[in-house]
Amino acid sequence: MDYDNVAGGTLKFKGGGGISKKKKKKTDASKVKAALDSDSPPAKPVKLLEKTVAELKFEEVQKKRQEEKVLKQAMKSHKEKVAELNRKLEEMTEHYDIPKVGP
């Protein structure tokens, strides 16, 4: 094949504005050193987030439910899992069935 007639280069979009990228601001090393050297305490004291009683209880219940779910799944044999899947698939309606219309 000959590619002599093919236009090369990047695509040109209408408007021609293109994308202008913002320039990064440079920080002065002297300002950074001055900020690190200053021994002033922070403006606001940092408070550690503590969970409420309700949040702790909720997490405990969630963990307990997760453990029960895992144990329940571990108790099933492969045969039981397959039977449960087949039962679930039988109960589902098939989207490709033509529904009866009229008597």
PDB file of N, CA and C in Angstrom:
ATOM      1  N   MET A   1       0.834  -1.180   0.000  1.00  0.00           N
ATOM      2  CA  MET A   1       0.000   0.000   0.000  1.00  0.00           C
ATOM      3  C   MET A   1       0.879   1.244   0.000  1.00  0.00           C
ATOM      4  N   ASP A   2       0.406   2.240  -0.681  1.00  0.00           N
ATOM      5  CA  ASP A   2       1.127   3.506  -0.689  1.00  0.00           C
ATOM      6  C   ASP A   2       0.452   4.480   0.256  1.00  0.00           C
ATOM      7  N   TYR A   3       1.246   5.110   1.071  1.00  0.00           N
ATOM      8  CA  TYR A   3       0.734   6.072   2.037  1.00  0.00           C
ATOM      9  C   TYR A   3       1.156   7.489   1.661  1.00  0.00           C
ATOM     10  N   ASP A   4       1.333   7.727   0.379  1.00  0.00           N
ATOM     11  CA  ASP A   4       1.764   9.047  -0.065  1.00  0.00           C
ATOM     12  C   ASP A   4       0.646  10.075   0.075  1.00  0.00           C
ATOM     13  N   ASN A   5      -0.616   9.660  -0.037  1.00  0.00           N
ATOM     14  CA  ASN A   5      -1.745  10.589  -0.027  1.00  0.00           C
ATOM     15  C   ASN A   5      -2.305  10.830   1.371  1.00  0.00           C
ATOM     16  N   VAL A   6      -1.701  10.266   2.382  1.00  0.00           N
ATOM     17  CA  VAL A   6      -2.232  10.356   3.736  1.00  0.00           C
ATOM     18  C   VAL A   6      -1.692  11.604   4.413  1.00  0.00           C
ATOM     19  N   ALA A   7      -2.614  12.342   5.085  1.00  0.00           N
ATOM     20  CA  ALA A   7      -2.182  13.525   5.832  1.00  0.00           C
ATOM     21  C   ALA A   7      -1.567  13.081   7.151  1.00  0.00           C
ATOM     22  N   GLY A   8      -0.447  13.658   7.495  1.00  0.00           N
ATOM     23  CA  GLY A   8       0.235  13.273   8.722  1.00  0.00           C
ATOM     24  C   GLY A   8       0.045  14.324   9.805  1.00  0.00           C
ATOM     25  N   GLY A   9       0.522  14.036  10.981  1.00  0.00           N
ATOM     26  CA  GLY A   9       0.451  15.002  12.070  1.00  0.00           C
ATOM     27  C   GLY A   9      -0.744  14.759  12.961  1.00  0.00           C
ATOM     28  N   THR A  10      -0.952  15.686  13.901  1.00  0.00           N
ATOM     29  CA  THR A  10      -2.050  15.532  14.856  1.00  0.00           C
ATOM     30  C   THR A  10      -3.351  16.032  14.262  1.00  0.00           C
ATOM     31  N   LEU A  11      -4.457  15.657  14.895  1.00  0.00           N
ATOM     32  CA  LEU A  11      -5.762  16.103  14.436  1.00  0.00           C
ATOM     33  C   LEU A  11      -5.952  17.573  14.762  1.00  0.00           C
ATOM     34  N   LYS A  12      -6.618  18.296  13.902  1.00  0.00           N
ATOM     35  CA  LYS A  12      -6.900  19.709  14.122  1.00  0.00           C
ATOM     36  C   LYS A  12      -8.381  19.842  14.468  1.00  0.00           C
ATOM     37  N   PHE A  13      -8.672  20.479  15.592  1.00  0.00           N
ATOM     38  CA  PHE A  13     -10.053  20.668  16.012  1.00  0.00           C
ATOM     39  C   PHE A  13     -10.514  22.074  15.704  1.00  0.00           C
ATOM     40  N   LYS A  14     -11.829  22.236  15.550  1.00  0.00           N
ATOM     41  CA  LYS A  14     -12.383  23.561  15.313  1.00  0.00           C
ATOM     42  C   LYS A  14     -12.172  24.420  16.546  1.00  0.00           C
ATOM     43  N   GLY A  15     -12.037  25.709  16.341  1.00  0.00           N
ATOM     44  CA  GLY A  15     -11.838  26.604  17.473  1.00  0.00           C
ATOM     45  C   GLY A  15     -10.376  26.930  17.652  1.00  0.00           C
ATOM     46  N   GLY A  16      -9.508  25.969  17.475  1.00  0.00           N
ATOM     47  CA  GLY A  16      -8.081  26.205  17.482  1.00  0.00           C
ATOM     48  C   GLY A  16      -7.491  26.679  18.803  1.00  0.00           C
ATOM     49  N   GLY A  17      -8.298  26.790  19.865  1.00  0.00           N
ATOM     50  CA  GLY A  17      -7.790  27.314  21.126  1.00  0.00           C
ATOM     51  C   GLY A  17      -6.772  26.399  21.764  1.00  0.00           C
ATOM     52  N   GLY A  18      -7.033  25.145  21.729  1.00  0.00           N
ATOM     53  CA  GLY A  18      -6.124  24.203  22.347  1.00  0.00           C
ATOM     54  C   GLY A  18      -6.269  24.206  23.857  1.00  0.00           C
ATOM     55  N   ILE A  19      -5.424  23.451  24.511  1.00  0.00           N
ATOM     56  CA  ILE A  19      -5.481  23.337  25.963  1.00  0.00           C
ATOM     57  C   ILE A  19      -4.308  24.103  26.545  1.00  0.00           C
ATOM     58  N   SER A  20      -4.613  24.991  27.467  1.00  0.00           N
ATOM     59  CA  SER A  20      -3.533  25.712  28.133  1.00  0.00           C
ATOM     60  C   SER A  20      -3.400  25.156  29.542  1.00  0.00           C
ATOM     61  N   LYS A  21      -2.195  24.765  29.906  1.00  0.00           N
ATOM     62  CA  LYS A  21      -1.957  24.177  31.212  1.00  0.00           C
ATOM     63  C   LYS A  21      -1.536  25.258  32.182  1.00  0.00           C
ATOM     64  N   LYS A  22      -1.997  25.111  33.435  1.00  0.00           N
ATOM     65  CA  LYS A  22      -1.613  26.058  34.468  1.00  0.00           C
ATOM     66  C   LYS A  22      -0.175  25.782  34.884  1.00  0.00           C
ATOM     67  N   LYS A  23       0.561  26.857  35.174  1.00  0.00           N
ATOM     68  CA  LYS A  23       1.934  26.702  35.608  1.00  0.00           C
ATOM     69  C   LYS A  23       1.975  26.523  37.115  1.00  0.00           C
ATOM     70  N   LYS A  24       2.914  25.713  37.577  1.00  0.00           N
ATOM     71  CA  LYS A  24       3.059  25.470  39.003  1.00  0.00           C
ATOM     72  C   LYS A  24       3.775  26.640  39.654  1.00  0.00           C
ATOM     73  N   LYS A  25       3.328  26.958  40.863  1.00  0.00           N
ATOM     74  CA  LYS A  25       3.977  28.027  41.609  1.00  0.00           C
ATOM     75  C   LYS A  25       5.183  27.458  42.335  1.00  0.00           C
ATOM     76  N   LYS A  26       6.278  28.206  42.313  1.00  0.00           N
ATOM     77  CA  LYS A  26       7.492  27.767  42.981  1.00  0.00           C
ATOM     78  C   LYS A  26       7.508  28.336  44.393  1.00  0.00           C
ATOM     79  N   THR A  27       7.960  27.539  45.351  1.00  0.00           N
ATOM     80  CA  THR A  27       8.049  27.996  46.727  1.00  0.00           C
ATOM     81  C   THR A  27       9.487  28.408  47.017  1.00  0.00           C
ATOM     82  N   ASP A  28       9.624  29.453  47.816  1.00  0.00           N
ATOM     83  CA  ASP A  28      10.952  29.916  48.201  1.00  0.00           C
ATOM     84  C   ASP A  28      11.497  29.027  49.308  1.00  0.00           C
ATOM     85  N   ALA A  29      12.743  28.646  49.200  1.00  0.00           N
ATOM     86  CA  ALA A  29      13.367  27.793  50.206  1.00  0.00           C
ATOM     87  C   ALA A  29      13.475  28.522  51.535  1.00  0.00           C
ATOM     88  N   SER A  30      13.656  29.850  51.487  1.00  0.00           N
ATOM     89  CA  SER A  30      13.790  30.609  52.735  1.00  0.00           C
ATOM     90  C   SER A  30      12.479  30.610  53.518  1.00  0.00           C
ATOM     91  N   LYS A  31      11.347  30.697  52.831  1.00  0.00           N
ATOM     92  CA  LYS A  31      10.045  30.678  53.507  1.00  0.00           C
ATOM     93  C   LYS A  31       9.781  29.313  54.143  1.00  0.00           C
ATOM     94  N   VAL A  32      10.182  28.252  53.454  1.00  0.00           N
ATOM     95  CA  VAL A  32       9.974  26.908  53.975  1.00  0.00           C
ATOM     96  C   VAL A  32      10.819  26.696  55.219  1.00  0.00           C
ATOM     97  N   LYS A  33      12.076  27.127  55.169  1.00  0.00           N
ATOM     98  CA  LYS A  33      12.954  26.987  56.327  1.00  0.00           C
ATOM     99  C   LYS A  33      12.439  27.786  57.508  1.00  0.00           C
ATOM    100  N   ALA A  34      11.947  29.001  57.241  1.00  0.00           N
ATOM    101  CA  ALA A  34      11.427  29.847  58.317  1.00  0.00           C
ATOM    102  C   ALA A  34      10.211  29.197  58.967  1.00  0.00           C
ATOM    103  N   ALA A  35       9.370  28.573  58.181  1.00  0.00           N
ATOM    104  CA  ALA A  35       8.175  27.927  58.722  1.00  0.00           C
ATOM    105  C   ALA A  35       8.555  26.705  59.562  1.00  0.00           C
ATOM    106  N   LEU A  36       9.585  25.967  59.140  1.00  0.00           N
ATOM    107  CA  LEU A  36      10.010  24.791  59.880  1.00  0.00           C
ATOM    108  C   LEU A  36      10.757  25.160  61.157  1.00  0.00           C
ATOM    109  N   ASP A  37      11.515  26.243  61.106  1.00  0.00           N
ATOM    110  CA  ASP A  37      12.296  26.654  62.262  1.00  0.00           C
ATOM    111  C   ASP A  37      11.449  27.270  63.366  1.00  0.00           C
ATOM    112  N   SER A  38      10.339  27.862  62.995  1.00  0.00           N
ATOM    113  CA  SER A  38       9.516  28.511  64.017  1.00  0.00           C
ATOM    114  C   SER A  38       8.922  27.443  64.940  1.00  0.00           C
ATOM    115  N   ASP A  39       8.995  27.711  66.241  1.00  0.00           N
ATOM    116  CA  ASP A  39       8.520  26.751  67.232  1.00  0.00           C
ATOM    117  C   ASP A  39       7.125  27.089  67.717  1.00  0.00           C
ATOM    118  N   SER A  40       6.365  27.818  66.947  1.00  0.00           N
ATOM    119  CA  SER A  40       5.015  28.189  67.381  1.00  0.00           C
ATOM    120  C   SER A  40       4.094  26.977  67.278  1.00  0.00           C
ATOM    121  N   PRO A  41       3.210  26.810  68.277  1.00  0.00           N
ATOM    122  CA  PRO A  41       2.284  25.672  68.232  1.00  0.00           C
ATOM    123  C   PRO A  41       1.235  25.893  67.151  1.00  0.00           C
ATOM    124  N   PRO A  42       0.611  24.822  66.667  1.00  0.00           N
ATOM    125  CA  PRO A  42      -0.418  24.979  65.640  1.00  0.00           C
ATOM    126  C   PRO A  42      -1.594  25.775  66.178  1.00  0.00           C
ATOM    127  N   ALA A  43      -2.316  26.422  65.286  1.00  0.00           N
ATOM    128  CA  ALA A  43      -3.418  27.298  65.673  1.00  0.00           C
ATOM    129  C   ALA A  43      -4.512  26.524  66.408  1.00  0.00           C
ATOM    130  N   LYS A  44      -4.885  25.348  65.901  1.00  0.00           N
ATOM    131  CA  LYS A  44      -5.939  24.543  66.528  1.00  0.00           C
ATOM    132  C   LYS A  44      -5.330  23.239  67.030  1.00  0.00           C
ATOM    133  N   PRO A  45      -5.666  22.822  68.241  1.00  0.00           N
ATOM    134  CA  PRO A  45      -5.154  21.529  68.701  1.00  0.00           C
ATOM    135  C   PRO A  45      -5.800  20.396  67.914  1.00  0.00           C
ATOM    136  N   VAL A  46      -5.022  19.389  67.629  1.00  0.00           N
ATOM    137  CA  VAL A  46      -5.511  18.252  66.853  1.00  0.00           C
ATOM    138  C   VAL A  46      -6.246  17.313  67.799  1.00  0.00           C
ATOM    139  N   LYS A  47      -7.509  17.029  67.481  1.00  0.00           N
ATOM    140  CA  LYS A  47      -8.324  16.143  68.307  1.00  0.00           C
ATOM    141  C   LYS A  47      -8.402  14.779  67.628  1.00  0.00           C
ATOM    142  N   LEU A  48      -8.102  13.764  68.377  1.00  0.00           N
ATOM    143  CA  LEU A  48      -8.209  12.416  67.834  1.00  0.00           C
ATOM    144  C   LEU A  48      -9.680  12.031  67.744  1.00  0.00           C
ATOM    145  N   LEU A  49     -10.056  11.434  66.637  1.00  0.00           N
ATOM    146  CA  LEU A  49     -11.444  11.023  66.462  1.00  0.00           C
ATOM    147  C   LEU A  49     -11.692   9.730  67.215  1.00  0.00           C
ATOM    148  N   GLU A  50     -12.641   9.775  68.105  1.00  0.00           N
ATOM    149  CA  GLU A  50     -13.024   8.584  68.855  1.00  0.00           C
ATOM    150  C   GLU A  50     -14.409   8.166  68.410  1.00  0.00           C
ATOM    151  N   LYS A  51     -14.614   6.868  68.325  1.00  0.00           N
ATOM    152  CA  LYS A  51     -15.900   6.361  67.876  1.00  0.00           C
ATOM    153  C   LYS A  51     -16.887   6.353  69.032  1.00  0.00           C
ATOM    154  N   THR A  52     -18.144   6.611  68.687  1.00  0.00           N
ATOM    155  CA  THR A  52     -19.189   6.615  69.702  1.00  0.00           C
ATOM    156  C   THR A  52     -19.560   5.185  70.069  1.00  0.00           C
ATOM    157  N   VAL A  53     -20.347   5.044  71.104  1.00  0.00           N
ATOM    158  CA  VAL A  53     -20.781   3.719  71.558  1.00  0.00           C
ATOM    159  C   VAL A  53     -21.614   3.044  70.472  1.00  0.00           C
ATOM    160  N   ALA A  54     -22.467   3.828  69.819  1.00  0.00           N
ATOM    161  CA  ALA A  54     -23.312   3.268  68.763  1.00  0.00           C
ATOM    162  C   ALA A  54     -22.469   2.776  67.585  1.00  0.00           C
ATOM    163  N   GLU A  55     -21.430   3.526  67.221  1.00  0.00           N
ATOM    164  CA  GLU A  55     -20.571   3.106  66.121  1.00  0.00           C
ATOM    165  C   GLU A  55     -19.824   1.825  66.460  1.00  0.00           C
ATOM    166  N   LEU A  56     -19.331   1.729  67.687  1.00  0.00           N
ATOM    167  CA  LEU A  56     -18.628   0.509  68.108  1.00  0.00           C
ATOM    168  C   LEU A  56     -19.568  -0.696  68.094  1.00  0.00           C
ATOM    169  N   LYS A  57     -20.804  -0.509  68.590  1.00  0.00           N
ATOM    170  CA  LYS A  57     -21.794  -1.586  68.606  1.00  0.00           C
ATOM    171  C   LYS A  57     -22.138  -2.015  67.174  1.00  0.00           C
ATOM    172  N   PHE A  58     -22.292  -1.020  66.270  1.00  0.00           N
ATOM    173  CA  PHE A  58     -22.612  -1.312  64.872  1.00  0.00           C
ATOM    174  C   PHE A  58     -21.509  -2.152  64.232  1.00  0.00           C
ATOM    175  N   GLU A  59     -20.250  -1.772  64.448  1.00  0.00           N
ATOM    176  CA  GLU A  59     -19.139  -2.525  63.874  1.00  0.00           C
ATOM    177  C   GLU A  59     -19.066  -3.938  64.439  1.00  0.00           C
ATOM    178  N   GLU A  60     -19.374  -4.068  65.724  1.00  0.00           N
ATOM    179  CA  GLU A  60     -19.367  -5.390  66.354  1.00  0.00           C
ATOM    180  C   GLU A  60     -20.430  -6.288  65.735  1.00  0.00           C
ATOM    181  N   VAL A  61     -21.634  -5.748  65.538  1.00  0.00           N
ATOM    182  CA  VAL A  61     -22.727  -6.524  64.942  1.00  0.00           C
ATOM    183  C   VAL A  61     -22.393  -6.888  63.499  1.00  0.00           C
ATOM    184  N   GLN A  62     -21.799  -5.947  62.752  1.00  0.00           N
ATOM    185  CA  GLN A  62     -21.431  -6.219  61.365  1.00  0.00           C
ATOM    186  C   GLN A  62     -20.400  -7.341  61.288  1.00  0.00           C
ATOM    187  N   LYS A  63     -19.419  -7.304  62.178  1.00  0.00           N
ATOM    188  CA  LYS A  63     -18.386  -8.335  62.184  1.00  0.00           C
ATOM    189  C   LYS A  63     -18.996  -9.699  62.521  1.00  0.00           C
ATOM    190  N   LYS A  64     -19.930  -9.702  63.494  1.00  0.00           N
ATOM    191  CA  LYS A  64     -20.579 -10.954  63.892  1.00  0.00           C
ATOM    192  C   LYS A  64     -21.396 -11.533  62.738  1.00  0.00           C
ATOM    193  N   ARG A  65     -22.130 -10.680  62.025  1.00  0.00           N
ATOM    194  CA  ARG A  65     -22.923 -11.140  60.878  1.00  0.00           C
ATOM    195  C   ARG A  65     -22.025 -11.689  59.776  1.00  0.00           C
ATOM    196  N   GLN A  66     -20.901 -11.017  59.546  1.00  0.00           N
ATOM    197  CA  GLN A  66     -19.972 -11.477  58.510  1.00  0.00           C
ATOM    198  C   GLN A  66     -19.423 -12.855  58.857  1.00  0.00           C
ATOM    199  N   GLU A  67     -19.072 -13.061  60.119  1.00  0.00           N
ATOM    200  CA  GLU A  67     -18.554 -14.364  60.544  1.00  0.00           C
ATOM    201  C   GLU A  67     -19.609 -15.460  60.384  1.00  0.00           C
ATOM    202  N   GLU A  68     -20.857 -15.139  60.746  1.00  0.00           N
ATOM    203  CA  GLU A  68     -21.935 -16.120  60.590  1.00  0.00           C
ATOM    204  C   GLU A  68     -22.147 -16.470  59.123  1.00  0.00           C
ATOM    205  N   LYS A  69     -22.070 -15.468  58.250  1.00  0.00           N
ATOM    206  CA  LYS A  69     -22.262 -15.694  56.823  1.00  0.00           C
ATOM    207  C   LYS A  69     -21.160 -16.592  56.264  1.00  0.00           C
ATOM    208  N   VAL A  70     -19.931 -16.350  56.697  1.00  0.00           N
ATOM    209  CA  VAL A  70     -18.801 -17.163  56.234  1.00  0.00           C
ATOM    210  C   VAL A  70     -18.953 -18.604  56.714  1.00  0.00           C
ATOM    211  N   LEU A  71     -19.340 -18.770  57.987  1.00  0.00           N
ATOM    212  CA  LEU A  71     -19.522 -20.127  58.516  1.00  0.00           C
ATOM    213  C   LEU A  71     -20.641 -20.861  57.787  1.00  0.00           C
ATOM    214  N   LYS A  72     -21.717 -20.140  57.479  1.00  0.00           N
ATOM    215  CA  LYS A  72     -22.850 -20.748  56.776  1.00  0.00           C
ATOM    216  C   LYS A  72     -22.425 -21.215  55.385  1.00  0.00           C
ATOM    217  N   GLN A  73     -21.629 -20.401  54.683  1.00  0.00           N
ATOM    218  CA  GLN A  73     -21.159 -20.777  53.354  1.00  0.00           C
ATOM    219  C   GLN A  73     -20.182 -21.945  53.428  1.00  0.00           C
ATOM    220  N   ALA A  74     -19.377 -21.981  54.479  1.00  0.00           N
ATOM    221  CA  ALA A  74     -18.391 -23.050  54.613  1.00  0.00           C
ATOM    222  C   ALA A  74     -19.047 -24.390  54.916  1.00  0.00           C
ATOM    223  N   MET A  75     -20.227 -24.368  55.509  1.00  0.00           N
ATOM    224  CA  MET A  75     -20.916 -25.608  55.872  1.00  0.00           C
ATOM    225  C   MET A  75     -21.527 -26.307  54.657  1.00  0.00           C
ATOM    226  N   LYS A  76     -21.782 -25.564  53.574  1.00  0.00           N
ATOM    227  CA  LYS A  76     -22.419 -26.154  52.395  1.00  0.00           C
ATOM    228  C   LYS A  76     -21.411 -26.947  51.576  1.00  0.00           C
ATOM    229  N   SER A  77     -21.890 -28.084  51.079  1.00  0.00           N
ATOM    230  CA  SER A  77     -21.058 -28.861  50.170  1.00  0.00           C
ATOM    231  C   SER A  77     -21.277 -28.331  48.745  1.00  0.00           C
ATOM    232  N   HIS A  78     -20.446 -28.781  47.837  1.00  0.00           N
ATOM    233  CA  HIS A  78     -20.574 -28.344  46.450  1.00  0.00           C
ATOM    234  C   HIS A  78     -21.925 -28.759  45.878  1.00  0.00           C
ATOM    235  N   LYS A  79     -22.357 -29.953  46.229  1.00  0.00           N
ATOM    236  CA  LYS A  79     -23.640 -30.462  45.730  1.00  0.00           C
ATOM    237  C   LYS A  79     -24.790 -29.571  46.184  1.00  0.00           C
ATOM    238  N   GLU A  80     -24.765 -29.132  47.446  1.00  0.00           N
ATOM    239  CA  GLU A  80     -25.814 -28.252  47.968  1.00  0.00           C
ATOM    240  C   GLU A  80     -25.790 -26.884  47.276  1.00  0.00           C
ATOM    241  N   LYS A  81     -24.580 -26.386  47.013  1.00  0.00           N
ATOM    242  CA  LYS A  81     -24.471 -25.094  46.337  1.00  0.00           C
ATOM    243  C   LYS A  81     -25.050 -25.156  44.930  1.00  0.00           C
ATOM    244  N   VAL A  82     -24.753 -26.248  44.211  1.00  0.00           N
ATOM    245  CA  VAL A  82     -25.276 -26.427  42.853  1.00  0.00           C
ATOM    246  C   VAL A  82     -26.792 -26.554  42.879  1.00  0.00           C
ATOM    247  N   ALA A  83     -27.325 -27.301  43.846  1.00  0.00           N
ATOM    248  CA  ALA A  83     -28.778 -27.473  43.952  1.00  0.00           C
ATOM    249  C   ALA A  83     -29.450 -26.129  44.240  1.00  0.00           C
ATOM    250  N   GLU A  84     -28.848 -25.331  45.112  1.00  0.00           N
ATOM    251  CA  GLU A  84     -29.415 -24.021  45.428  1.00  0.00           C
ATOM    252  C   GLU A  84     -29.401 -23.105  44.200  1.00  0.00           C
ATOM    253  N   LEU A  85     -28.323 -23.132  43.434  1.00  0.00           N
ATOM    254  CA  LEU A  85     -28.234 -22.322  42.222  1.00  0.00           C
ATOM    255  C   LEU A  85     -29.288 -22.753  41.211  1.00  0.00           C
ATOM    256  N   ASN A  86     -29.451 -24.059  41.027  1.00  0.00           N
ATOM    257  CA  ASN A  86     -30.456 -24.558  40.082  1.00  0.00           C
ATOM    258  C   ASN A  86     -31.862 -24.157  40.507  1.00  0.00           C
ATOM    259  N   ARG A  87     -32.139 -24.232  41.812  1.00  0.00           N
ATOM    260  CA  ARG A  87     -33.452 -23.833  42.319  1.00  0.00           C
ATOM    261  C   ARG A  87     -33.689 -22.333  42.061  1.00  0.00           C
ATOM    262  N   LYS A  88     -32.667 -21.537  42.260  1.00  0.00           N
ATOM    263  CA  LYS A  88     -32.782 -20.090  42.034  1.00  0.00           C
ATOM    264  C   LYS A  88     -33.025 -19.787  40.557  1.00  0.00           C
ATOM    265  N   LEU A  89     -32.328 -20.508  39.671  1.00  0.00           N
ATOM    266  CA  LEU A  89     -32.494 -20.291  38.235  1.00  0.00           C
ATOM    267  C   LEU A  89     -33.871 -20.724  37.750  1.00  0.00           C
ATOM    268  N   GLU A  90     -34.426 -21.783  38.354  1.00  0.00           N
ATOM    269  CA  GLU A  90     -35.763 -22.236  37.970  1.00  0.00           C
ATOM    270  C   GLU A  90     -36.828 -21.210  38.332  1.00  0.00           C
ATOM    271  N   GLU A  91     -36.624 -20.510  39.445  1.00  0.00           N
ATOM    272  CA  GLU A  91     -37.623 -19.534  39.895  1.00  0.00           C
ATOM    273  C   GLU A  91     -37.586 -18.251  39.075  1.00  0.00           C
ATOM    274  N   MET A  92     -36.477 -17.983  38.425  1.00  0.00           N
ATOM    275  CA  MET A  92     -36.357 -16.754  37.636  1.00  0.00           C
ATOM    276  C   MET A  92     -37.181 -16.862  36.365  1.00  0.00           C
ATOM    277  N   THR A  93     -37.740 -15.713  35.948  1.00  0.00           N
ATOM    278  CA  THR A  93     -38.467 -15.706  34.676  1.00  0.00           C
ATOM    279  C   THR A  93     -37.449 -15.531  33.558  1.00  0.00           C
ATOM    280  N   GLU A  94     -37.740 -16.165  32.442  1.00  0.00           N
ATOM    281  CA  GLU A  94     -36.832 -16.063  31.319  1.00  0.00           C
ATOM    282  C   GLU A  94     -37.262 -14.908  30.433  1.00  0.00           C
ATOM    283  N   HIS A  95     -36.330 -14.072  30.074  1.00  0.00           N
ATOM    284  CA  HIS A  95     -36.657 -12.871  29.311  1.00  0.00           C
ATOM    285  C   HIS A  95     -37.024 -13.183  27.869  1.00  0.00           C
ATOM    286  N   TYR A  96     -36.629 -14.335  27.385  1.00  0.00           N
ATOM    287  CA  TYR A  96     -36.889 -14.662  25.990  1.00  0.00           C
ATOM    288  C   TYR A  96     -38.214 -15.400  25.784  1.00  0.00           C
ATOM    289  N   ASP A  97     -38.917 -15.759  26.864  1.00  0.00           N
ATOM    290  CA  ASP A  97     -40.220 -16.412  26.719  1.00  0.00           C
ATOM    291  C   ASP A  97     -41.246 -15.419  26.180  1.00  0.00           C
ATOM    292  N   ILE A  98     -42.111 -15.908  25.304  1.00  0.00           N
ATOM    293  CA  ILE A  98     -43.180 -15.061  24.768  1.00  0.00           C
ATOM    294  C   ILE A  98     -44.375 -15.200  25.691  1.00  0.00           C
ATOM    295  N   PRO A  99     -44.797 -14.109  26.331  1.00  0.00           N
ATOM    296  CA  PRO A  99     -45.930 -14.216  27.250  1.00  0.00           C
ATOM    297  C   PRO A  99     -47.228 -14.447  26.483  1.00  0.00           C
ATOM    298  N   LYS A 100     -48.151 -15.189  27.112  1.00  0.00           N
ATOM    299  CA  LYS A 100     -49.441 -15.446  26.481  1.00  0.00           C
ATOM    300  C   LYS A 100     -50.287 -14.174  26.536  1.00  0.00           C
ATOM    301  N   VAL A 101     -50.937 -13.884  25.419  1.00  0.00           N
ATOM    302  CA  VAL A 101     -51.816 -12.718  25.345  1.00  0.00           C
ATOM    303  C   VAL A 101     -53.184 -13.209  24.941  1.00  0.00           C
ATOM    304  N   GLY A 102     -54.173 -12.879  25.727  1.00  0.00           N
ATOM    305  CA  GLY A 102     -55.538 -13.276  25.403  1.00  0.00           C
ATOM    306  C   GLY A 102     -55.854 -14.654  25.899  1.00  0.00           C
ATOM    307  N   PRO A 103     -57.092 -15.130  25.625  1.00  0.00           N
ATOM    308  CA  PRO A 103     -57.548 -16.440  26.127  1.00  0.00           C
ATOM    309  C   PRO A 103     -56.975 -17.610  25.411  1.00  0.00           C
TER     310      PRO A 103
END
